[in-house]
Amino acid sequence: MPGEEQPAAPEPGAPAESLIVYPSPFPIKVMGKAGPGFAPAVVSIVRRHAPDFDPTTVETRSSREGKYTSLTTTVIATSREQLDALYKDLCDHPLVVMVL
């Protein structure tokens, strides 16, 4: 309405306000080609960023034809920076096809 003050637009390049309240359980699905090294590589990366991560909680699913594996890991996220670094390291790994 006229005369009402509008909220200021965020500055370009300013960090967006997080919708996640930290610390919080945060599931991450990682997909890659099926093979013996995929799960250990993912667990190693996740533990580097979330040392309290329990690898026995990983949920594993194979694709219909068995060519791909998806792993769902749930970490206790402590900050957006932690999640950003974790996603980057997972995406950069050669065995990882996709991270959601």
PDB file of N, CA and C in Angstrom:
ATOM      1  N   MET A   1       0.837  -1.175   0.000  1.00  0.00           N
ATOM      2  CA  MET A   1       0.000   0.000   0.000  1.00  0.00           C
ATOM      3  C   MET A   1       0.878   1.233   0.000  1.00  0.00           C
ATOM      4  N   PRO A   2       0.380   2.308  -0.597  1.00  0.00           N
ATOM      5  CA  PRO A   2       1.161   3.545  -0.602  1.00  0.00           C
ATOM      6  C   PRO A   2       1.436   4.006   0.824  1.00  0.00           C
ATOM      7  N   GLY A   3       2.607   4.518   1.013  1.00  0.00           N
ATOM      8  CA  GLY A   3       2.999   5.031   2.317  1.00  0.00           C
ATOM      9  C   GLY A   3       3.610   3.974   3.229  1.00  0.00           C
ATOM     10  N   GLU A   4       3.420   2.667   2.903  1.00  0.00           N
ATOM     11  CA  GLU A   4       4.026   1.623   3.721  1.00  0.00           C
ATOM     12  C   GLU A   4       5.460   1.411   3.281  1.00  0.00           C
ATOM     13  N   GLU A   5       6.306   1.220   4.255  1.00  0.00           N
ATOM     14  CA  GLU A   5       7.720   1.015   3.960  1.00  0.00           C
ATOM     15  C   GLU A   5       7.949  -0.415   3.478  1.00  0.00           C
ATOM     16  N   GLN A   6       8.694  -0.580   2.388  1.00  0.00           N
ATOM     17  CA  GLN A   6       9.016  -1.884   1.843  1.00  0.00           C
ATOM     18  C   GLN A   6      10.331  -2.354   2.452  1.00  0.00           C
ATOM     19  N   PRO A   7      10.469  -3.666   2.676  1.00  0.00           N
ATOM     20  CA  PRO A   7      11.753  -4.147   3.196  1.00  0.00           C
ATOM     21  C   PRO A   7      12.856  -3.898   2.179  1.00  0.00           C
ATOM     22  N   ALA A   8      14.026  -3.591   2.688  1.00  0.00           N
ATOM     23  CA  ALA A   8      15.160  -3.317   1.815  1.00  0.00           C
ATOM     24  C   ALA A   8      15.597  -4.595   1.113  1.00  0.00           C
ATOM     25  N   ALA A   9      15.960  -4.468  -0.148  1.00  0.00           N
ATOM     26  CA  ALA A   9      16.481  -5.607  -0.903  1.00  0.00           C
ATOM     27  C   ALA A   9      17.881  -5.919  -0.397  1.00  0.00           C
ATOM     28  N   PRO A  10      18.242  -7.204  -0.353  1.00  0.00           N
ATOM     29  CA  PRO A  10      19.601  -7.531   0.106  1.00  0.00           C
ATOM     30  C   PRO A  10      20.635  -6.991  -0.864  1.00  0.00           C
ATOM     31  N   GLU A  11      21.779  -6.650  -0.325  1.00  0.00           N
ATOM     32  CA  GLU A  11      22.894  -6.179  -1.145  1.00  0.00           C
ATOM     33  C   GLU A  11      23.335  -7.296  -2.082  1.00  0.00           C
ATOM     34  N   PRO A  12      23.717  -6.954  -3.324  1.00  0.00           N
ATOM     35  CA  PRO A  12      24.238  -7.999  -4.212  1.00  0.00           C
ATOM     36  C   PRO A  12      25.468  -8.659  -3.584  1.00  0.00           C
ATOM     37  N   GLY A  13      25.486  -9.983  -3.624  1.00  0.00           N
ATOM     38  CA  GLY A  13      26.607 -10.719  -3.060  1.00  0.00           C
ATOM     39  C   GLY A  13      26.494 -10.966  -1.562  1.00  0.00           C
ATOM     40  N   ALA A  14      25.460 -10.396  -0.930  1.00  0.00           N
ATOM     41  CA  ALA A  14      25.275 -10.608   0.505  1.00  0.00           C
ATOM     42  C   ALA A  14      24.757 -12.022   0.737  1.00  0.00           C
ATOM     43  N   PRO A  15      25.170 -12.674   1.826  1.00  0.00           N
ATOM     44  CA  PRO A  15      24.691 -14.022   2.092  1.00  0.00           C
ATOM     45  C   PRO A  15      23.186 -14.023   2.341  1.00  0.00           C
ATOM     46  N   ALA A  16      22.505 -15.012   1.806  1.00  0.00           N
ATOM     47  CA  ALA A  16      21.068 -15.133   2.011  1.00  0.00           C
ATOM     48  C   ALA A  16      20.804 -15.603   3.438  1.00  0.00           C
ATOM     49  N   GLU A  17      19.670 -15.190   3.982  1.00  0.00           N
ATOM     50  CA  GLU A  17      19.307 -15.619   5.321  1.00  0.00           C
ATOM     51  C   GLU A  17      18.977 -17.102   5.286  1.00  0.00           C
ATOM     52  N   SER A  18      19.473 -17.855   6.241  1.00  0.00           N
ATOM     53  CA  SER A  18      19.294 -19.295   6.263  1.00  0.00           C
ATOM     54  C   SER A  18      17.921 -19.662   6.803  1.00  0.00           C
ATOM     55  N   LEU A  19      17.327 -20.700   6.208  1.00  0.00           N
ATOM     56  CA  LEU A  19      16.069 -21.238   6.707  1.00  0.00           C
ATOM     57  C   LEU A  19      16.306 -22.386   7.675  1.00  0.00           C
ATOM     58  N   ILE A  20      17.559 -22.764   7.837  1.00  0.00           N
ATOM     59  CA  ILE A  20      17.925 -23.857   8.728  1.00  0.00           C
ATOM     60  C   ILE A  20      18.334 -23.289  10.075  1.00  0.00           C
ATOM     61  N   VAL A  21      17.832 -23.904  11.132  1.00  0.00           N
ATOM     62  CA  VAL A  21      18.242 -23.532  12.477  1.00  0.00           C
ATOM     63  C   VAL A  21      19.364 -24.487  12.875  1.00  0.00           C
ATOM     64  N   TYR A  22      20.519 -23.937  13.228  1.00  0.00           N
ATOM     65  CA  TYR A  22      21.682 -24.760  13.568  1.00  0.00           C
ATOM     66  C   TYR A  22      21.802 -24.892  15.075  1.00  0.00           C
ATOM     67  N   PRO A  23      22.296 -26.015  15.569  1.00  0.00           N
ATOM     68  CA  PRO A  23      22.570 -27.269  14.872  1.00  0.00           C
ATOM     69  C   PRO A  23      21.266 -27.985  14.532  1.00  0.00           C
ATOM     70  N   SER A  24      21.312 -28.769  13.441  1.00  0.00           N
ATOM     71  CA  SER A  24      20.121 -29.450  12.966  1.00  0.00           C
ATOM     72  C   SER A  24      20.498 -30.684  12.155  1.00  0.00           C
ATOM     73  N   PRO A  25      19.732 -31.783  12.289  1.00  0.00           N
ATOM     74  CA  PRO A  25      19.981 -32.939  11.432  1.00  0.00           C
ATOM     75  C   PRO A  25      19.721 -32.541   9.972  1.00  0.00           C
ATOM     76  N   PHE A  26      20.610 -32.927   9.081  1.00  0.00           N
ATOM     77  CA  PHE A  26      20.508 -32.516   7.687  1.00  0.00           C
ATOM     78  C   PHE A  26      20.856 -33.701   6.780  1.00  0.00           C
ATOM     79  N   PRO A  27      19.872 -34.240   6.052  1.00  0.00           N
ATOM     80  CA  PRO A  27      20.155 -35.365   5.156  1.00  0.00           C
ATOM     81  C   PRO A  27      20.784 -34.889   3.849  1.00  0.00           C
ATOM     82  N   ILE A  28      21.744 -35.656   3.369  1.00  0.00           N
ATOM     83  CA  ILE A  28      22.409 -35.372   2.096  1.00  0.00           C
ATOM     84  C   ILE A  28      22.408 -36.657   1.291  1.00  0.00           C
ATOM     85  N   LYS A  29      21.864 -36.604   0.074  1.00  0.00           N
ATOM     86  CA  LYS A  29      21.857 -37.776  -0.800  1.00  0.00           C
ATOM     87  C   LYS A  29      22.981 -37.626  -1.810  1.00  0.00           C
ATOM     88  N   VAL A  30      23.804 -38.665  -1.913  1.00  0.00           N
ATOM     89  CA  VAL A  30      24.955 -38.658  -2.808  1.00  0.00           C
ATOM     90  C   VAL A  30      24.810 -39.843  -3.762  1.00  0.00           C
ATOM     91  N   MET A  31      24.885 -39.566  -5.061  1.00  0.00           N
ATOM     92  CA  MET A  31      24.764 -40.626  -6.058  1.00  0.00           C
ATOM     93  C   MET A  31      26.052 -40.771  -6.842  1.00  0.00           C
ATOM     94  N   GLY A  32      26.382 -42.031  -7.152  1.00  0.00           N
ATOM     95  CA  GLY A  32      27.583 -42.298  -7.916  1.00  0.00           C
ATOM     96  C   GLY A  32      27.515 -43.663  -8.559  1.00  0.00           C
ATOM     97  N   LYS A  33      28.498 -43.953  -9.398  1.00  0.00           N
ATOM     98  CA  LYS A  33      28.560 -45.266 -10.037  1.00  0.00           C
ATOM     99  C   LYS A  33      28.834 -46.317  -8.972  1.00  0.00           C
ATOM    100  N   ALA A  34      28.132 -47.436  -9.096  1.00  0.00           N
ATOM    101  CA  ALA A  34      28.299 -48.522  -8.130  1.00  0.00           C
ATOM    102  C   ALA A  34      29.723 -49.061  -8.203  1.00  0.00           C
ATOM    103  N   GLY A  35      30.289 -49.313  -7.063  1.00  0.00           N
ATOM    104  CA  GLY A  35      31.646 -49.850  -6.997  1.00  0.00           C
ATOM    105  C   GLY A  35      32.108 -49.895  -5.562  1.00  0.00           C
ATOM    106  N   PRO A  36      33.141 -50.673  -5.290  1.00  0.00           N
ATOM    107  CA  PRO A  36      33.580 -50.860  -3.904  1.00  0.00           C
ATOM    108  C   PRO A  36      34.155 -49.609  -3.244  1.00  0.00           C
ATOM    109  N   GLY A  37      34.624 -48.637  -4.007  1.00  0.00           N
ATOM    110  CA  GLY A  37      35.242 -47.459  -3.400  1.00  0.00           C
ATOM    111  C   GLY A  37      34.297 -46.298  -3.148  1.00  0.00           C
ATOM    112  N   PHE A  38      33.077 -46.370  -3.678  1.00  0.00           N
ATOM    113  CA  PHE A  38      32.165 -45.222  -3.596  1.00  0.00           C
ATOM    114  C   PHE A  38      31.750 -44.902  -2.159  1.00  0.00           C
ATOM    115  N   ALA A  39      31.169 -45.861  -1.459  1.00  0.00           N
ATOM    116  CA  ALA A  39      30.684 -45.601  -0.094  1.00  0.00           C
ATOM    117  C   ALA A  39      31.811 -45.180   0.847  1.00  0.00           C
ATOM    118  N   PRO A  40      32.961 -45.865   0.854  1.00  0.00           N
ATOM    119  CA  PRO A  40      34.038 -45.409   1.750  1.00  0.00           C
ATOM    120  C   PRO A  40      34.514 -43.987   1.440  1.00  0.00           C
ATOM    121  N   ALA A  41      34.533 -43.622   0.151  1.00  0.00           N
ATOM    122  CA  ALA A  41      34.964 -42.263  -0.217  1.00  0.00           C
ATOM    123  C   ALA A  41      33.981 -41.233   0.318  1.00  0.00           C
ATOM    124  N   VAL A  42      32.690 -41.513   0.171  1.00  0.00           N
ATOM    125  CA  VAL A  42      31.665 -40.580   0.650  1.00  0.00           C
ATOM    126  C   VAL A  42      31.732 -40.458   2.169  1.00  0.00           C
ATOM    127  N   VAL A  43      31.822 -41.580   2.860  1.00  0.00           N
ATOM    128  CA  VAL A  43      31.888 -41.557   4.325  1.00  0.00           C
ATOM    129  C   VAL A  43      33.112 -40.774   4.796  1.00  0.00           C
ATOM    130  N   SER A  44      34.242 -40.959   4.129  1.00  0.00           N
ATOM    131  CA  SER A  44      35.453 -40.241   4.496  1.00  0.00           C
ATOM    132  C   SER A  44      35.278 -38.720   4.366  1.00  0.00           C
ATOM    133  N   ILE A  45      34.660 -38.296   3.268  1.00  0.00           N
ATOM    134  CA  ILE A  45      34.432 -36.858   3.058  1.00  0.00           C
ATOM    135  C   ILE A  45      33.467 -36.315   4.107  1.00  0.00           C
ATOM    136  N   VAL A  46      32.390 -37.041   4.352  1.00  0.00           N
ATOM    137  CA  VAL A  46      31.396 -36.578   5.330  1.00  0.00           C
ATOM    138  C   VAL A  46      32.031 -36.478   6.713  1.00  0.00           C
ATOM    139  N   ARG A  47      32.816 -37.463   7.099  1.00  0.00           N
ATOM    140  CA  ARG A  47      33.446 -37.439   8.438  1.00  0.00           C
ATOM    141  C   ARG A  47      34.449 -36.299   8.577  1.00  0.00           C
ATOM    142  N   ARG A  48      35.068 -35.903   7.463  1.00  0.00           N
ATOM    143  CA  ARG A  48      36.011 -34.779   7.501  1.00  0.00           C
ATOM    144  C   ARG A  48      35.285 -33.490   7.903  1.00  0.00           C
ATOM    145  N   HIS A  49      34.042 -33.356   7.468  1.00  0.00           N
ATOM    146  CA  HIS A  49      33.279 -32.132   7.740  1.00  0.00           C
ATOM    147  C   HIS A  49      32.357 -32.257   8.952  1.00  0.00           C
ATOM    148  N   ALA A  50      32.017 -33.486   9.312  1.00  0.00           N
ATOM    149  CA  ALA A  50      31.144 -33.726  10.469  1.00  0.00           C
ATOM    150  C   ALA A  50      31.743 -34.890  11.260  1.00  0.00           C
ATOM    151  N   PRO A  51      32.743 -34.617  12.102  1.00  0.00           N
ATOM    152  CA  PRO A  51      33.460 -35.680  12.805  1.00  0.00           C
ATOM    153  C   PRO A  51      32.564 -36.585  13.654  1.00  0.00           C
ATOM    154  N   ASP A  52      31.400 -36.093  14.065  1.00  0.00           N
ATOM    155  CA  ASP A  52      30.500 -36.900  14.888  1.00  0.00           C
ATOM    156  C   ASP A  52      29.565 -37.771  14.045  1.00  0.00           C
ATOM    157  N   PHE A  53      29.718 -37.752  12.725  1.00  0.00           N
ATOM    158  CA  PHE A  53      28.872 -38.545  11.829  1.00  0.00           C
ATOM    159  C   PHE A  53      29.066 -40.033  12.103  1.00  0.00           C
ATOM    160  N   ASP A  54      27.952 -40.762  12.186  1.00  0.00           N
ATOM    161  CA  ASP A  54      27.984 -42.201  12.435  1.00  0.00           C
ATOM    162  C   ASP A  54      27.763 -42.944  11.111  1.00  0.00           C
ATOM    163  N   PRO A  55      28.796 -43.565  10.551  1.00  0.00           N
ATOM    164  CA  PRO A  55      28.667 -44.226   9.252  1.00  0.00           C
ATOM    165  C   PRO A  55      27.667 -45.385   9.233  1.00  0.00           C
ATOM    166  N   THR A  56      27.304 -45.910  10.410  1.00  0.00           N
ATOM    167  CA  THR A  56      26.319 -47.001  10.430  1.00  0.00           C
ATOM    168  C   THR A  56      24.914 -46.512  10.108  1.00  0.00           C
ATOM    169  N   THR A  57      24.723 -45.198  10.036  1.00  0.00           N
ATOM    170  CA  THR A  57      23.401 -44.642   9.732  1.00  0.00           C
ATOM    171  C   THR A  57      23.192 -44.398   8.231  1.00  0.00           C
ATOM    172  N   VAL A  58      24.189 -44.683   7.413  1.00  0.00           N
ATOM    173  CA  VAL A  58      24.082 -44.454   5.970  1.00  0.00           C
ATOM    174  C   VAL A  58      23.017 -45.375   5.385  1.00  0.00           C
ATOM    175  N   GLU A  59      22.119 -44.794   4.603  1.00  0.00           N
ATOM    176  CA  GLU A  59      21.110 -45.577   3.897  1.00  0.00           C
ATOM    177  C   GLU A  59      21.582 -45.745   2.457  1.00  0.00           C
ATOM    178  N   THR A  60      21.575 -46.997   1.975  1.00  0.00           N
ATOM    179  CA  THR A  60      22.086 -47.311   0.642  1.00  0.00           C
ATOM    180  C   THR A  60      20.980 -47.868  -0.238  1.00  0.00           C
ATOM    181  N   ARG A  61      20.935 -47.386  -1.476  1.00  0.00           N
ATOM    182  CA  ARG A  61      20.000 -47.926  -2.472  1.00  0.00           C
ATOM    183  C   ARG A  61      20.731 -48.071  -3.785  1.00  0.00           C
ATOM    184  N   SER A  62      20.453 -49.170  -4.471  1.00  0.00           N
ATOM    185  CA  SER A  62      21.024 -49.388  -5.800  1.00  0.00           C
ATOM    186  C   SER A  62      19.980 -49.037  -6.853  1.00  0.00           C
ATOM    187  N   SER A  63      20.465 -48.594  -8.012  1.00  0.00           N
ATOM    188  CA  SER A  63      19.549 -48.322  -9.111  1.00  0.00           C
ATOM    189  C   SER A  63      18.961 -49.644  -9.610  1.00  0.00           C
ATOM    190  N   ARG A  64      17.911 -49.556 -10.387  1.00  0.00           N
ATOM    191  CA  ARG A  64      17.213 -50.746 -10.872  1.00  0.00           C
ATOM    192  C   ARG A  64      18.168 -51.732 -11.553  1.00  0.00           C
ATOM    193  N   GLU A  65      19.071 -51.217 -12.361  1.00  0.00           N
ATOM    194  CA  GLU A  65      19.989 -52.085 -13.101  1.00  0.00           C
ATOM    195  C   GLU A  65      21.332 -52.271 -12.382  1.00  0.00           C
ATOM    196  N   GLY A  66      21.485 -51.648 -11.221  1.00  0.00           N
ATOM    197  CA  GLY A  66      22.690 -51.832 -10.425  1.00  0.00           C
ATOM    198  C   GLY A  66      23.905 -51.036 -10.871  1.00  0.00           C
ATOM    199  N   LYS A  67      23.715 -50.092 -11.794  1.00  0.00           N
ATOM    200  CA  LYS A  67      24.861 -49.307 -12.274  1.00  0.00           C
ATOM    201  C   LYS A  67      25.223 -48.176 -11.319  1.00  0.00           C
ATOM    202  N   TYR A  68      24.239 -47.715 -10.543  1.00  0.00           N
ATOM    203  CA  TYR A  68      24.448 -46.575  -9.653  1.00  0.00           C
ATOM    204  C   TYR A  68      24.031 -46.924  -8.235  1.00  0.00           C
ATOM    205  N   THR A  69      24.617 -46.210  -7.294  1.00  0.00           N
ATOM    206  CA  THR A  69      24.287 -46.350  -5.882  1.00  0.00           C
ATOM    207  C   THR A  69      23.983 -44.969  -5.332  1.00  0.00           C
ATOM    208  N   SER A  70      22.956 -44.889  -4.487  1.00  0.00           N
ATOM    209  CA  SER A  70      22.710 -43.629  -3.782  1.00  0.00           C
ATOM    210  C   SER A  70      22.889 -43.881  -2.290  1.00  0.00           C
ATOM    211  N   LEU A  71      23.542 -42.945  -1.654  1.00  0.00           N
ATOM    212  CA  LEU A  71      23.769 -42.996  -0.219  1.00  0.00           C
ATOM    213  C   LEU A  71      23.103 -41.792   0.408  1.00  0.00           C
ATOM    214  N   THR A  72      22.335 -42.024   1.451  1.00  0.00           N
ATOM    215  CA  THR A  72      21.766 -40.910   2.202  1.00  0.00           C
ATOM    216  C   THR A  72      22.490 -40.852   3.537  1.00  0.00           C
ATOM    217  N   THR A  73      23.150 -39.726   3.756  1.00  0.00           N
ATOM    218  CA  THR A  73      23.872 -39.502   5.009  1.00  0.00           C
ATOM    219  C   THR A  73      23.179 -38.367   5.744  1.00  0.00           C
ATOM    220  N   THR A  74      23.031 -38.495   7.031  1.00  0.00           N
ATOM    221  CA  THR A  74      22.435 -37.414   7.817  1.00  0.00           C
ATOM    222  C   THR A  74      23.483 -36.914   8.795  1.00  0.00           C
ATOM    223  N   VAL A  75      23.821 -35.637   8.651  1.00  0.00           N
ATOM    224  CA  VAL A  75      24.813 -35.017   9.535  1.00  0.00           C
ATOM    225  C   VAL A  75      24.109 -34.030  10.452  1.00  0.00           C
ATOM    226  N   ILE A  76      24.748 -33.711  11.542  1.00  0.00           N
ATOM    227  CA  ILE A  76      24.265 -32.614  12.383  1.00  0.00           C
ATOM    228  C   ILE A  76      24.952 -31.364  11.861  1.00  0.00           C
ATOM    229  N   ALA A  77      24.210 -30.594  11.078  1.00  0.00           N
ATOM    230  CA  ALA A  77      24.764 -29.384  10.472  1.00  0.00           C
ATOM    231  C   ALA A  77      24.929 -28.312  11.535  1.00  0.00           C
ATOM    232  N   THR A  78      26.107 -27.692  11.542  1.00  0.00           N
ATOM    233  CA  THR A  78      26.386 -26.659  12.537  1.00  0.00           C
ATOM    234  C   THR A  78      26.452 -25.263  11.923  1.00  0.00           C
ATOM    235  N   SER A  79      26.579 -25.182  10.590  1.00  0.00           N
ATOM    236  CA  SER A  79      26.625 -23.863   9.933  1.00  0.00           C
ATOM    237  C   SER A  79      26.448 -24.032   8.431  1.00  0.00           C
ATOM    238  N   ARG A  80      26.095 -22.954   7.796  1.00  0.00           N
ATOM    239  CA  ARG A  80      25.976 -22.969   6.339  1.00  0.00           C
ATOM    240  C   ARG A  80      27.355 -23.192   5.707  1.00  0.00           C
ATOM    241  N   GLU A  81      28.382 -22.618   6.308  1.00  0.00           N
ATOM    242  CA  GLU A  81      29.740 -22.785   5.792  1.00  0.00           C
ATOM    243  C   GLU A  81      30.145 -24.263   5.804  1.00  0.00           C
ATOM    244  N   GLN A  82      29.775 -24.972   6.875  1.00  0.00           N
ATOM    245  CA  GLN A  82      30.069 -26.398   6.960  1.00  0.00           C
ATOM    246  C   GLN A  82      29.389 -27.147   5.814  1.00  0.00           C
ATOM    247  N   LEU A  83      28.103 -26.881   5.593  1.00  0.00           N
ATOM    248  CA  LEU A  83      27.364 -27.567   4.531  1.00  0.00           C
ATOM    249  C   LEU A  83      27.905 -27.211   3.151  1.00  0.00           C
ATOM    250  N   ASP A  84      28.231 -25.940   2.936  1.00  0.00           N
ATOM    251  CA  ASP A  84      28.788 -25.527   1.636  1.00  0.00           C
ATOM    252  C   ASP A  84      30.090 -26.260   1.340  1.00  0.00           C
ATOM    253  N   ALA A  85      30.964 -26.361   2.337  1.00  0.00           N
ATOM    254  CA  ALA A  85      32.253 -27.038   2.150  1.00  0.00           C
ATOM    255  C   ALA A  85      32.047 -28.532   1.922  1.00  0.00           C
ATOM    256  N   LEU A  86      31.109 -29.136   2.636  1.00  0.00           N
ATOM    257  CA  LEU A  86      30.811 -30.551   2.472  1.00  0.00           C
ATOM    258  C   LEU A  86      30.277 -30.828   1.071  1.00  0.00           C
ATOM    259  N   TYR A  87      29.303 -30.030   0.614  1.00  0.00           N
ATOM    260  CA  TYR A  87      28.767 -30.195  -0.737  1.00  0.00           C
ATOM    261  C   TYR A  87      29.866 -30.029  -1.788  1.00  0.00           C
ATOM    262  N   LYS A  88      30.731 -29.039  -1.608  1.00  0.00           N
ATOM    263  CA  LYS A  88      31.792 -28.805  -2.587  1.00  0.00           C
ATOM    264  C   LYS A  88      32.728 -30.004  -2.671  1.00  0.00           C
ATOM    265  N   ASP A  89      33.162 -30.517  -1.521  1.00  0.00           N
ATOM    266  CA  ASP A  89      34.069 -31.664  -1.524  1.00  0.00           C
ATOM    267  C   ASP A  89      33.410 -32.908  -2.122  1.00  0.00           C
ATOM    268  N   LEU A  90      32.133 -33.116  -1.829  1.00  0.00           N
ATOM    269  CA  LEU A  90      31.435 -34.256  -2.414  1.00  0.00           C
ATOM    270  C   LEU A  90      31.321 -34.106  -3.934  1.00  0.00           C
ATOM    271  N   CYS A  91      30.919 -32.932  -4.387  1.00  0.00           N
ATOM    272  CA  CYS A  91      30.758 -32.690  -5.832  1.00  0.00           C
ATOM    273  C   CYS A  91      32.082 -32.798  -6.578  1.00  0.00           C
ATOM    274  N   ASP A  92      33.179 -32.464  -5.926  1.00  0.00           N
ATOM    275  CA  ASP A  92      34.498 -32.499  -6.571  1.00  0.00           C
ATOM    276  C   ASP A  92      35.081 -33.905  -6.676  1.00  0.00           C
ATOM    277  N   HIS A  93      34.505 -34.869  -5.959  1.00  0.00           N
ATOM    278  CA  HIS A  93      35.067 -36.221  -5.974  1.00  0.00           C
ATOM    279  C   HIS A  93      34.721 -36.924  -7.291  1.00  0.00           C
ATOM    280  N   PRO A  94      35.687 -37.591  -7.919  1.00  0.00           N
ATOM    281  CA  PRO A  94      35.454 -38.196  -9.238  1.00  0.00           C
ATOM    282  C   PRO A  94      34.434 -39.338  -9.252  1.00  0.00           C
ATOM    283  N   LEU A  95      34.167 -39.987  -8.130  1.00  0.00           N
ATOM    284  CA  LEU A  95      33.187 -41.073  -8.104  1.00  0.00           C
ATOM    285  C   LEU A  95      31.761 -40.578  -7.913  1.00  0.00           C
ATOM    286  N   VAL A  96      31.610 -39.307  -7.541  1.00  0.00           N
ATOM    287  CA  VAL A  96      30.286 -38.745  -7.264  1.00  0.00           C
ATOM    288  C   VAL A  96      29.700 -38.171  -8.549  1.00  0.00           C
ATOM    289  N   VAL A  97      28.451 -38.565  -8.825  1.00  0.00           N
ATOM    290  CA  VAL A  97      27.738 -38.077 -10.005  1.00  0.00           C
ATOM    291  C   VAL A  97      26.842 -36.893  -9.645  1.00  0.00           C
ATOM    292  N   MET A  98      26.180 -36.979  -8.465  1.00  0.00           N
ATOM    293  CA  MET A  98      25.226 -35.930  -8.078  1.00  0.00           C
ATOM    294  C   MET A  98      25.095 -35.880  -6.564  1.00  0.00           C
ATOM    295  N   VAL A  99      24.864 -34.666  -6.041  1.00  0.00           N
ATOM    296  CA  VAL A  99      24.640 -34.481  -4.609  1.00  0.00           C
ATOM    297  C   VAL A  99      23.364 -33.665  -4.446  1.00  0.00           C
ATOM    298  N   LEU A 100      22.451 -34.160  -3.639  1.00  0.00           N
ATOM    299  CA  LEU A 100      21.193 -33.440  -3.351  1.00  0.00           C
ATOM    300  C   LEU A 100      21.058 -33.182  -1.866  1.00  0.00           C
TER     301      LEU A 100
END
